Amino acid sequence: MSTPSLPAPDNSPRLREALLAADFTVDGLLDLLGAPAYAALARSETVPALRATRGDSPLETLVRLFLLQRAVPAGRARAALPLAECLADGWVVENSGADGGAAAGATAGTAASTEGGTGSDEDDVFVRAIVDVRPYGGPEGEDWFIVSDLGCSVGGASGATGHGEGVVLGVGGASTTLAGLTVRRPVARALDVGTGSGIQALHAARHATAVTATDLNPRALEFARLTLALSGAPAADLREGSLFEPVDGETYDLIVSNPPFVISPGARLTYRDGGMGGDDLCRTLVQETGDRLADGGYAHFLANWQHVEGEEWQDRLRSWVPRGCDAWIVQREVQDVTQYAELWLRDSGDHREDPEAYESRYEAWLDEFEARKTKAVGFGWITLRKSGYELPSVVVEEWPHPVEQPLGETVLAHFERQDYLRTHDDAALLTAHFALAPEVVQEQVGLPGAEDPEHVVLRQNRGMRRATKVDTVAAGFTGVCDGSLSAGRILDAIAQLMGEDPVLLRDRTPQAIRSLVEEGFLLPVAASAA
């Protein structure tokens, strides 16, 4: 069976108006379905949503049509959509009465009832969607729509499992993670590498004068075009090709990519398998970014990387960072090779096929890892900034704990602090003024009734939600930091209270101050503001 042609965006404004008029939005879905059924959709479980859409309102019709992939009577579709235009552009197609009725399943009501009981020919005509259309809320409350292959939006009827190699997915956890990480500031030019259904390009269109989106899969570019058009966003410059090939010689102020980062023995699925050996695709993408990033620009990636026997994974990632770029690399999760293989075999539905075929593919994954001496695979975020410094700041860390998205401002502040620290030696830190970050609280841990705590913990309630154990001096120091006194004067006062030598205290404390600034517990304050 041939793949249907994708819709044309010609009448997207009229379709968008109809979707909004029916309240086919994130808030509208929550109100209609309720939180449990809405959450079930995100797990690709459709029964609760089917039960919640037994009526004949336009919103219920749209949920069944675009999210549940059920055929609906043409009369009901006409009440919810500009049906003639949607048929002409290819958003929906007609089914015969018999086929359509079977596909409609538990759909309540009839075309006759929605058309005033006229008993028209539409009684036996059903329409079905060609694509998934998923409501998606923008960061400022915008009502956007992500267009993807049938069953491949998060909340689609069957998830991505078992689809062909050229499938185009909708919005998922990885997509929203990357969108939340990205530094959002006005830029002239933004680039989305491997755009898929266009989610990152859609976000970039809010703050970039011009957006370029590339993908190896030409179908993905068409889906990105539909997503942007249906969301009311400016069109992007869409280019077909691998990695940076379509933009050779050009530079950008912002580069984002949720690439096909899965480390696999082959390239079966375009949306996830990079087609290069091991983690070479992610390495190549990061290394080549240095020549594509304008001065001061940021690049954000999701990536997988190998943990190889006899090699520190942190050193492996440091070697990826291009010259002239600062980097912040965060490992969020690690899986051993068996867990990793099983995860992605299930993603492609191999566990549902012939057991011998499943075992054969599992063996191929393990053979690949063994040949590359890979013992585990890490997943995380990579952010680059084109700073131009000879001695770059490269921070590689493991942080599997919960964070608060969006993190774009946290990322921006991280690099600003790195700039501050590289230009302030220990003597300069002692003359500087600091303030405790507003989201930081202090916790004292010890036995109930004890005179003194066993230890003191500083904890961030926002952003990365870091926590760090501090000694008595650091606890006293941070408690006094309000920007009014220099660090040196605070330490002199602490030395007097504790009966310590102020010179020795000044000598040993700057490293602790540096760490607290680097992790965002202390913020530099201009002396003139004190």
Protein backbone atom coordinates (compact mmCIF):
# COMPACT_ATOMS: atom_id res chain seq x y z
CA MET A 1 0.00 0.00 0.00
CA SER A 2 1.50 3.33 -1.06
CA THR A 3 1.98 6.15 1.43
CA PRO A 4 -0.65 8.90 0.92
CA SER A 5 0.61 12.25 -0.25
CA LEU A 6 1.09 14.77 2.52
CA PRO A 7 -1.32 17.69 2.84
CA ALA A 8 -0.72 21.01 1.14
CA PRO A 9 -0.45 24.05 3.46
CA ASP A 10 -2.52 26.28 1.16
CA ASN A 11 -5.56 26.60 3.43
CA SER A 12 -3.73 26.20 6.75
CA PRO A 13 -4.99 29.58 8.07
CA ARG A 14 -8.63 28.48 7.64
CA LEU A 15 -7.94 25.11 9.25
CA ARG A 16 -6.15 26.83 12.12
CA GLU A 17 -9.14 29.11 12.67
CA ALA A 18 -11.44 26.10 12.83
CA LEU A 19 -9.22 24.24 15.29
CA LEU A 20 -9.05 27.26 17.57
CA ALA A 21 -12.79 27.91 17.27
CA ALA A 22 -13.44 24.36 18.47
CA ASP A 23 -10.94 24.85 21.35
CA PHE A 24 -8.71 22.10 19.95
CA THR A 25 -5.90 23.32 22.19
CA VAL A 26 -3.94 21.95 25.14
CA ASP A 27 -6.31 23.63 27.59
CA GLY A 28 -9.35 22.54 25.60
CA LEU A 29 -8.21 18.90 25.61
CA LEU A 30 -7.59 18.97 29.35
CA ASP A 31 -11.07 20.36 29.96
CA LEU A 32 -12.72 17.81 27.67
CA LEU A 33 -10.77 14.68 28.57
CA GLY A 34 -9.73 15.36 32.12
CA ALA A 35 -6.19 14.93 33.40
CA PRO A 36 -6.19 11.08 33.62
CA ALA A 37 -7.37 10.55 30.03
CA TYR A 38 -5.06 13.28 28.75
CA ALA A 39 -2.11 11.66 30.52
CA ALA A 40 -3.14 8.27 29.14
CA LEU A 41 -2.93 9.68 25.61
CA ALA A 42 0.70 10.59 26.29
CA ARG A 43 1.23 6.88 27.02
CA SER A 44 -0.49 5.96 23.73
CA GLU A 45 -3.49 4.57 25.63
CA THR A 46 -6.66 5.66 23.84
CA VAL A 47 -9.55 3.97 25.63
CA PRO A 48 -10.08 6.77 28.22
CA ALA A 49 -10.12 9.39 25.45
CA LEU A 50 -12.54 7.32 23.38
CA ARG A 51 -14.90 7.15 26.34
CA ALA A 52 -14.63 10.91 26.82
CA THR A 53 -15.48 11.71 23.17
CA ARG A 54 -18.79 9.91 22.70
CA GLY A 55 -20.63 13.13 21.95
CA ASP A 56 -20.90 15.05 18.70
CA SER A 57 -19.30 18.41 19.54
CA PRO A 58 -16.69 19.80 17.11
CA LEU A 59 -13.95 19.30 19.70
CA GLU A 60 -14.85 15.63 20.23
CA THR A 61 -14.87 15.15 16.46
CA LEU A 62 -11.40 16.66 16.10
CA VAL A 63 -9.96 14.55 18.91
CA ARG A 64 -11.28 11.37 17.31
CA LEU A 65 -10.13 12.41 13.86
CA PHE A 66 -6.61 13.75 14.51
CA LEU A 67 -5.53 12.22 17.83
CA LEU A 68 -7.31 8.86 17.90
CA GLN A 69 -7.21 8.22 14.14
CA ARG A 70 -10.87 7.24 13.97
CA ALA A 71 -12.93 7.88 10.85
CA VAL A 72 -15.82 10.24 11.56
CA PRO A 73 -19.04 10.95 9.66
CA ALA A 74 -18.58 13.61 7.01
CA GLY A 75 -21.42 15.65 8.48
CA ARG A 76 -19.67 15.87 11.83
CA ALA A 77 -16.39 16.70 10.14
CA ARG A 78 -18.09 19.49 8.18
CA ALA A 79 -19.38 20.97 11.45
CA ALA A 80 -15.84 21.07 12.84
CA LEU A 81 -13.70 21.85 9.79
CA PRO A 82 -13.69 23.63 6.44
CA LEU A 83 -14.20 20.17 4.98
CA ALA A 84 -14.00 21.04 1.28
CA GLU A 85 -10.63 22.74 1.72
CA CYS A 86 -9.33 19.94 3.98
CA LEU A 87 -10.28 17.36 1.37
CA ALA A 88 -8.77 19.40 -1.44
CA ASP A 89 -5.51 19.99 0.44
CA GLY A 90 -5.32 16.39 1.60
CA TRP A 91 -5.62 16.78 5.39
CA VAL A 92 -8.44 14.23 5.31
CA VAL A 93 -9.74 11.69 2.78
CA GLU A 94 -13.09 10.01 2.31
CA ASN A 95 -13.82 6.39 3.26
CA SER A 96 -16.66 4.31 1.91
CA GLY A 97 -19.64 3.89 4.22
CA ALA A 98 -18.76 0.30 5.15
CA ASP A 99 -15.08 0.92 5.79
CA GLY A 100 -15.69 4.24 7.44
CA GLY A 101 -18.37 2.88 9.71
CA ALA A 102 -16.12 0.06 10.89
CA ALA A 103 -13.29 2.48 11.53
CA ALA A 104 -15.55 4.85 13.39
CA GLY A 105 -16.24 2.16 15.99
CA ALA A 106 -17.95 3.67 19.00
CA THR A 107 -18.49 7.11 17.43
CA ALA A 108 -21.75 8.48 18.78
CA GLY A 109 -24.27 10.29 16.63
CA THR A 110 -24.80 10.17 12.89
CA ALA A 111 -24.27 12.50 9.99
CA ALA A 112 -28.00 12.97 9.77
CA SER A 113 -28.27 14.17 13.34
CA THR A 114 -25.46 16.67 12.92
CA GLU A 115 -26.96 17.94 9.72
CA GLY A 116 -30.40 18.53 11.24
CA GLY A 117 -31.77 15.07 10.45
CA THR A 118 -31.91 15.61 6.71
CA GLY A 119 -30.87 12.06 5.86
CA SER A 120 -28.32 13.37 3.38
CA ASP A 121 -25.83 11.27 1.44
CA GLU A 122 -23.29 12.12 4.12
CA ASP A 123 -24.96 9.50 6.33
CA ASP A 124 -22.76 6.85 4.69
CA VAL A 125 -19.65 8.93 4.06
CA PHE A 126 -16.82 9.00 6.57
CA VAL A 127 -13.55 10.89 6.52
CA ARG A 128 -10.24 10.00 8.13
CA ALA A 129 -7.09 12.00 8.78
CA ILE A 130 -3.91 11.59 6.74
CA VAL A 131 -1.68 13.02 9.49
CA ASP A 132 -1.54 13.46 13.24
CA VAL A 133 -2.28 16.98 14.44
CA ARG A 134 -1.35 17.53 18.07
CA PRO A 135 -2.13 20.73 20.05
CA TYR A 136 1.04 22.08 21.62
CA GLY A 137 1.36 25.03 23.98
CA GLY A 138 4.07 27.60 23.28
CA PRO A 139 6.16 29.15 26.07
CA GLU A 140 4.06 32.32 26.15
CA GLY A 141 0.74 30.51 25.89
CA GLU A 142 0.73 30.27 22.11
CA ASP A 143 -1.60 27.71 20.56
CA TRP A 144 0.57 25.66 18.21
CA PHE A 145 -0.01 22.42 16.32
CA ILE A 146 2.58 19.71 15.63
CA VAL A 147 1.95 17.67 12.47
CA SER A 148 3.46 14.19 12.20
CA ASP A 149 2.84 10.74 10.78
CA LEU A 150 -0.32 8.95 11.84
CA GLY A 151 0.06 7.44 15.29
CA CYS A 152 3.39 9.15 15.85
CA SER A 153 2.51 12.19 17.88
CA VAL A 154 2.84 11.71 21.59
CA GLY A 155 -0.71 10.75 22.41
CA GLY A 156 -1.19 9.18 19.00
CA ALA A 157 -3.16 5.98 18.75
CA SER A 158 -0.24 3.59 18.48
CA GLY A 159 3.02 5.37 19.20
CA ALA A 160 6.07 5.01 16.95
CA THR A 161 6.39 1.27 17.37
CA GLY A 162 6.77 -0.71 14.18
CA HIS A 163 6.66 2.14 11.69
CA GLY A 164 8.78 2.37 8.56
CA GLU A 165 12.24 3.81 8.25
CA GLY A 166 11.10 7.22 7.01
CA VAL A 167 8.59 7.86 9.79
CA VAL A 168 8.34 11.41 11.15
CA LEU A 169 7.57 11.65 14.84
CA GLY A 170 5.70 14.36 16.67
CA VAL A 171 6.54 16.08 19.93
CA GLY A 172 8.03 13.92 22.69
CA GLY A 173 10.02 14.15 25.87
CA ALA A 174 13.31 14.66 24.01
CA SER A 175 11.82 17.46 21.92
CA THR A 176 10.47 19.37 24.90
CA THR A 177 13.71 18.85 26.84
CA LEU A 178 15.75 20.41 24.04
CA ALA A 179 13.29 23.28 23.62
CA GLY A 180 13.50 24.01 27.35
CA LEU A 181 17.31 23.97 27.37
CA THR A 182 17.72 26.45 24.55
CA VAL A 183 18.84 29.98 25.28
CA ARG A 184 16.02 32.25 24.10
CA ARG A 185 17.27 35.65 23.07
CA PRO A 186 16.75 37.66 19.87
CA VAL A 187 19.05 36.41 17.11
CA ALA A 188 19.41 37.09 13.41
CA ARG A 189 19.84 33.51 12.17
CA ALA A 190 18.86 30.16 13.71
CA LEU A 191 19.47 26.64 12.39
CA ASP A 192 17.56 23.46 13.27
CA VAL A 193 19.58 20.41 12.18
CA GLY A 194 17.41 17.32 11.67
CA THR A 195 14.18 19.24 12.10
CA GLY A 196 11.76 16.28 11.98
CA SER A 197 8.27 17.68 12.40
CA GLY A 198 9.65 21.18 12.96
CA ILE A 199 9.27 21.63 16.72
CA GLN A 200 12.62 23.32 17.32
CA ALA A 201 12.19 25.50 14.23
CA LEU A 202 8.79 26.56 15.58
CA HIS A 203 10.31 27.65 18.88
CA ALA A 204 13.17 29.43 17.13
CA ALA A 205 10.73 31.39 14.95
CA ARG A 206 9.66 33.31 18.06
CA HIS A 207 13.03 35.02 18.50
CA ALA A 208 15.02 34.57 15.27
CA THR A 209 14.72 36.85 12.27
CA ALA A 210 15.39 33.93 9.91
CA VAL A 211 15.15 30.19 10.58
CA THR A 212 16.77 27.46 8.48
CA ALA A 213 15.73 23.83 9.03
CA THR A 214 17.47 20.82 7.52
CA ASP A 215 16.74 17.10 7.38
CA LEU A 216 17.99 14.07 5.50
CA ASN A 217 14.37 12.91 5.14
CA PRO A 218 12.44 15.02 2.59
CA ARG A 219 9.13 13.97 4.21
CA ALA A 220 10.32 15.57 7.45
CA LEU A 221 10.78 18.89 5.69
CA GLU A 222 7.20 18.74 4.43
CA PHE A 223 5.95 17.99 7.93
CA ALA A 224 7.96 20.93 9.30
CA ARG A 225 6.36 23.15 6.66
CA LEU A 226 2.90 22.01 7.80
CA THR A 227 3.70 22.48 11.50
CA LEU A 228 4.87 26.04 10.95
CA ALA A 229 1.95 26.94 8.69
CA LEU A 230 -0.72 25.44 10.94
CA SER A 231 0.82 27.13 13.98
CA GLY A 232 0.70 30.53 12.32
CA ALA A 233 4.51 30.85 12.38
CA PRO A 234 6.71 32.36 9.64
CA ALA A 235 7.94 29.92 7.03
CA ALA A 236 11.45 28.52 7.43
CA ASP A 237 14.15 28.00 4.83
CA LEU A 238 13.89 24.20 4.44
CA ARG A 239 16.89 22.32 3.03
CA GLU A 240 17.43 18.61 2.41
CA GLY A 241 20.70 16.97 3.41
CA SER A 242 22.76 15.41 6.19
CA LEU A 243 24.09 17.39 9.17
CA PHE A 244 25.69 20.65 7.97
CA GLU A 245 25.93 19.74 4.27
CA PRO A 246 22.94 21.91 3.24
CA VAL A 247 24.40 25.01 4.95
CA ASP A 248 28.05 24.70 3.95
CA GLY A 249 29.93 27.95 4.52
CA GLU A 250 27.14 29.63 6.50
CA THR A 251 27.14 30.64 10.17
CA TYR A 252 24.32 30.98 12.67
CA ASP A 253 23.71 32.68 16.02
CA LEU A 254 21.75 29.67 17.30
CA ILE A 255 22.02 26.01 16.34
CA VAL A 256 19.78 23.32 17.80
CA SER A 257 19.54 19.62 17.05
CA ASN A 258 17.73 16.58 18.35
CA PRO A 259 19.66 14.27 16.02
CA PRO A 260 19.20 10.55 15.31
CA PHE A 261 21.53 9.77 18.20
CA VAL A 262 20.75 6.09 18.82
CA ILE A 263 23.90 3.94 18.77
CA SER A 264 22.79 0.94 16.74
CA PRO A 265 24.17 -1.73 14.37
CA GLY A 266 22.84 -0.09 11.21
CA ALA A 267 20.46 2.64 10.09
CA ARG A 268 17.04 0.98 9.97
CA LEU A 269 15.02 3.97 11.17
CA THR A 270 15.89 7.42 9.87
CA TYR A 271 14.29 9.25 12.79
CA ARG A 272 16.56 7.63 15.40
CA ASP A 273 19.54 5.72 13.88
CA GLY A 274 22.44 7.89 12.78
CA GLY A 275 23.91 5.46 10.31
CA MET A 276 27.46 6.08 11.54
CA GLY A 277 29.48 3.73 13.73
CA GLY A 278 29.10 4.07 17.49
CA ASP A 279 28.58 7.67 18.61
CA ASP A 280 30.30 9.11 15.53
CA LEU A 281 27.23 11.03 14.38
CA CYS A 282 26.94 12.98 17.63
CA ARG A 283 30.70 13.53 17.74
CA THR A 284 30.75 14.79 14.14
CA LEU A 285 27.79 17.09 14.74
CA VAL A 286 29.40 18.67 17.81
CA GLN A 287 32.88 18.98 16.29
CA GLU A 288 31.64 20.57 13.07
CA THR A 289 29.52 23.11 14.93
CA GLY A 290 32.55 25.27 15.67
CA ASP A 291 32.75 26.37 12.02
CA ARG A 292 29.00 26.99 11.76
CA LEU A 293 28.53 29.05 14.95
CA ALA A 294 28.83 32.83 14.84
CA ASP A 295 30.83 34.62 17.54
CA GLY A 296 28.86 34.62 20.79
CA GLY A 297 26.38 32.10 19.40
CA TYR A 298 24.94 29.09 21.21
CA ALA A 299 24.41 25.51 20.08
CA HIS A 300 22.27 22.95 21.91
CA PHE A 301 22.17 19.19 21.30
CA LEU A 302 20.77 16.01 22.75
CA ALA A 303 23.20 13.13 22.36
CA ASN A 304 24.18 9.58 23.25
CA TRP A 305 27.79 8.62 23.90
CA GLN A 306 29.70 5.44 24.51
CA HIS A 307 31.33 4.47 27.79
CA VAL A 308 34.36 2.58 26.50
CA GLU A 309 36.59 0.25 28.48
CA GLY A 310 39.84 1.93 29.53
CA GLU A 311 38.55 5.46 28.81
CA GLU A 312 36.89 8.07 31.01
CA TRP A 313 33.62 9.14 29.42
CA GLN A 314 34.29 12.74 30.46
CA ASP A 315 37.56 12.75 28.49
CA ARG A 316 35.76 11.33 25.48
CA LEU A 317 33.30 14.21 25.47
CA ARG A 318 35.91 16.88 26.12
CA SER A 319 37.63 15.73 22.94
CA TRP A 320 34.46 16.55 20.98
CA VAL A 321 34.42 20.25 21.90
CA PRO A 322 35.53 22.38 18.93
CA ARG A 323 38.27 24.97 19.28
CA GLY A 324 37.11 28.42 20.38
CA CYS A 325 33.98 27.07 22.09
CA ASP A 326 33.04 26.84 25.75
CA ALA A 327 30.96 23.80 26.63
CA TRP A 328 28.58 22.57 29.30
CA ILE A 329 27.90 18.84 29.00
CA VAL A 330 25.48 17.11 31.36
CA GLN A 331 25.02 13.35 31.51
CA ARG A 332 21.45 12.67 32.61
CA GLU A 333 21.28 8.87 32.38
CA VAL A 334 23.48 5.81 31.85
CA GLN A 335 22.32 2.37 30.68
CA ASP A 336 24.33 -0.81 30.37
CA VAL A 337 24.45 -2.27 26.87
CA THR A 338 21.67 -4.82 27.52
CA GLN A 339 19.25 -2.18 28.83
CA TYR A 340 20.09 0.08 25.93
CA ALA A 341 19.56 -2.61 23.29
CA GLU A 342 16.26 -3.68 24.83
CA LEU A 343 15.00 -0.10 24.98
CA TRP A 344 15.46 0.52 21.28
CA LEU A 345 14.39 -2.97 20.17
CA ARG A 346 11.09 -2.27 21.91
CA ASP A 347 10.92 1.17 20.34
CA SER A 348 10.91 -0.43 16.89
CA GLY A 349 8.49 -3.20 17.90
CA ASP A 350 11.00 -6.03 17.44
CA HIS A 351 9.86 -7.65 20.69
CA ARG A 352 6.45 -8.25 19.07
CA GLU A 353 7.86 -10.08 16.07
CA ASP A 354 9.24 -13.57 15.61
CA PRO A 355 11.32 -14.52 18.68
CA GLU A 356 14.19 -15.77 16.53
CA ALA A 357 14.33 -12.47 14.63
CA TYR A 358 14.29 -10.59 17.93
CA GLU A 359 17.15 -12.68 19.29
CA SER A 360 19.13 -12.18 16.09
CA ARG A 361 18.79 -8.41 16.26
CA TYR A 362 19.61 -8.40 19.98
CA GLU A 363 22.77 -10.38 19.20
CA ALA A 364 23.70 -7.84 16.51
CA TRP A 365 23.47 -4.99 19.04
CA LEU A 366 25.64 -6.83 21.55
CA ASP A 367 28.15 -7.79 18.85
CA GLU A 368 28.41 -4.13 17.89
CA PHE A 369 29.02 -3.02 21.47
CA GLU A 370 31.55 -5.78 22.07
CA ALA A 371 33.50 -4.86 18.95
CA ARG A 372 33.70 -1.25 20.12
CA LYS A 373 34.48 -2.22 23.75
CA THR A 374 31.38 -0.33 24.84
CA LYS A 375 30.22 -1.18 28.36
CA ALA A 376 27.43 1.41 28.70
CA VAL A 377 25.76 4.32 26.91
CA GLY A 378 25.21 7.78 28.33
CA PHE A 379 22.47 10.23 27.41
CA GLY A 380 22.43 13.94 28.02
CA TRP A 381 22.74 17.52 26.87
CA ILE A 382 25.56 19.35 25.15
CA THR A 383 25.66 23.15 24.97
CA LEU A 384 28.36 25.07 23.14
CA ARG A 385 29.06 28.79 23.10
CA LYS A 386 31.40 30.36 20.57
CA SER A 387 33.52 32.39 22.99
CA GLY A 388 36.80 32.56 21.11
CA TYR A 389 38.87 32.07 24.26
CA GLU A 390 42.22 30.28 23.89
CA LEU A 391 41.56 28.43 27.15
CA PRO A 392 37.90 27.44 26.94
CA SER A 393 35.64 26.58 29.84
CA VAL A 394 34.57 22.95 29.43
CA VAL A 395 32.36 21.59 32.22
CA VAL A 396 31.42 17.90 32.00
CA GLU A 397 29.27 16.57 34.80
CA GLU A 398 26.76 13.89 35.73
CA TRP A 399 23.41 15.15 37.02
CA PRO A 400 20.66 12.49 37.07
CA HIS A 401 18.49 14.43 39.53
CA PRO A 402 15.23 16.31 38.78
CA VAL A 403 15.57 19.78 37.27
CA GLU A 404 13.11 22.60 36.64
CA GLN A 405 12.42 23.37 33.00
CA PRO A 406 12.75 25.64 31.13
CA LEU A 407 16.49 25.88 31.69
CA GLY A 408 17.42 28.41 29.02
CA GLU A 409 18.07 31.20 31.53
CA THR A 410 20.02 28.76 33.73
CA VAL A 411 22.22 27.84 30.75
CA LEU A 412 22.82 31.50 29.92
CA ALA A 413 23.72 32.27 33.55
CA HIS A 414 26.14 29.31 33.64
CA PHE A 415 28.24 30.73 30.81
CA GLU A 416 28.09 34.26 32.25
CA ARG A 417 29.50 32.90 35.51
CA GLN A 418 32.27 31.12 33.60
CA ASP A 419 33.22 34.44 32.02
CA TYR A 420 33.34 36.04 35.45
CA LEU A 421 35.49 33.32 37.01
CA ARG A 422 38.04 33.20 34.20
CA THR A 423 38.67 36.94 34.60
CA HIS A 424 38.88 36.91 38.42
CA ASP A 425 41.81 35.31 40.22
CA ASP A 426 41.74 34.51 43.95
CA ALA A 427 42.82 38.02 44.93
CA ALA A 428 40.05 39.52 42.80
CA LEU A 429 37.46 37.21 44.37
CA LEU A 430 38.39 38.50 47.84
CA THR A 431 37.73 42.09 46.80
CA ALA A 432 34.49 41.20 45.03
CA HIS A 433 30.94 41.43 46.39
CA PHE A 434 28.49 38.52 46.27
CA ALA A 435 24.84 37.83 47.03
CA LEU A 436 23.18 34.53 47.80
CA ALA A 437 21.02 33.46 44.85
CA PRO A 438 17.36 34.12 45.71
CA GLU A 439 16.26 30.51 45.19
CA VAL A 440 18.83 29.07 47.64
CA VAL A 441 17.81 27.78 51.07
CA GLN A 442 19.94 26.42 53.88
CA GLU A 443 19.25 23.09 55.56
CA GLN A 444 20.85 21.96 58.80
CA VAL A 445 21.13 18.21 59.19
CA GLY A 446 21.71 16.53 62.53
CA LEU A 447 20.15 14.64 65.41
CA PRO A 448 17.10 16.27 67.07
CA GLY A 449 18.14 18.30 70.11
CA ALA A 450 21.82 18.40 69.15
CA GLU A 451 23.56 21.70 69.87
CA ASP A 452 25.29 21.83 66.49
CA PRO A 453 24.25 20.32 63.14
CA GLU A 454 26.26 17.46 61.68
CA HIS A 455 26.45 19.35 58.41
CA VAL A 456 24.88 22.24 56.52
CA VAL A 457 23.44 21.91 53.01
CA LEU A 458 22.72 24.70 50.54
CA ARG A 459 19.92 23.80 48.15
CA GLN A 460 18.59 25.48 45.01
CA ASN A 461 14.83 25.40 44.55
CA ARG A 462 14.95 26.28 40.84
CA GLY A 463 16.94 25.50 37.71
CA MET A 464 19.31 22.58 38.20
CA ARG A 465 18.12 22.17 41.82
CA ARG A 466 21.65 21.58 43.03
CA ALA A 467 22.56 20.83 46.63
CA THR A 468 25.99 21.12 48.18
CA LYS A 469 27.37 20.39 51.64
CA VAL A 470 29.32 23.30 53.16
CA ASP A 471 31.50 23.71 56.23
CA THR A 472 30.95 26.20 59.05
CA VAL A 473 32.94 28.95 57.34
CA ALA A 474 31.13 28.62 54.02
CA ALA A 475 27.74 28.48 55.77
CA GLY A 476 28.53 31.64 57.70
CA PHE A 477 29.95 33.32 54.61
CA THR A 478 26.94 32.64 52.39
CA GLY A 479 24.55 33.64 55.16
CA VAL A 480 26.09 37.12 55.29
CA CYS A 481 26.43 37.64 51.52
CA ASP A 482 23.97 40.35 50.53
CA GLY A 483 26.26 42.40 48.29
CA SER A 484 27.09 45.02 50.92
CA LEU A 485 30.53 43.74 52.00
CA SER A 486 33.47 42.37 50.03
CA ALA A 487 34.31 38.69 50.44
CA GLY A 488 37.56 39.58 52.20
CA ARG A 489 35.86 41.74 54.82
CA ILE A 490 33.31 38.99 55.52
CA LEU A 491 36.10 36.46 56.01
CA ASP A 492 37.97 38.80 58.35
CA ALA A 493 34.85 39.09 60.50
CA ILE A 494 34.36 35.30 60.50
CA ALA A 495 38.02 34.81 61.48
CA GLN A 496 37.60 37.15 64.43
CA LEU A 497 34.44 35.35 65.61
CA MET A 498 36.04 31.90 65.27
CA GLY A 499 39.44 32.91 66.64
CA GLU A 500 41.19 31.94 63.38
CA ASP A 501 44.09 33.59 61.58
CA PRO A 502 42.46 35.89 58.96
CA VAL A 503 45.40 35.48 56.57
CA LEU A 504 45.08 31.68 56.58
CA LEU A 505 41.31 31.91 56.17
CA ARG A 506 41.71 34.25 53.19
CA ASP A 507 44.20 31.81 51.65
CA ARG A 508 42.03 28.71 51.86
CA THR A 509 38.56 30.09 51.12
CA PRO A 510 38.70 31.43 47.51
CA GLN A 511 38.41 27.92 46.04
CA ALA A 512 35.18 27.36 47.96
CA ILE A 513 33.88 30.75 46.78
CA ARG A 514 34.79 29.83 43.21
CA SER A 515 32.83 26.56 43.44
CA LEU A 516 29.79 28.28 44.93
CA VAL A 517 29.84 30.87 42.14
CA GLU A 518 30.36 28.23 39.43
CA GLU A 519 27.35 26.22 40.61
CA GLY A 520 25.13 29.28 40.97
CA PHE A 521 24.78 29.50 44.75
CA LEU A 522 26.53 32.88 44.88
CA LEU A 523 26.02 35.69 42.39
CA PRO A 524 28.60 38.43 41.74
CA VAL A 525 27.32 41.90 42.60
CA ALA A 526 28.81 45.14 41.29
CA ALA A 527 30.53 47.03 44.13
CA SER A 528 28.78 50.24 43.13
CA ALA A 529 25.43 48.57 43.86
CA ALA A 530 26.42 47.71 47.43
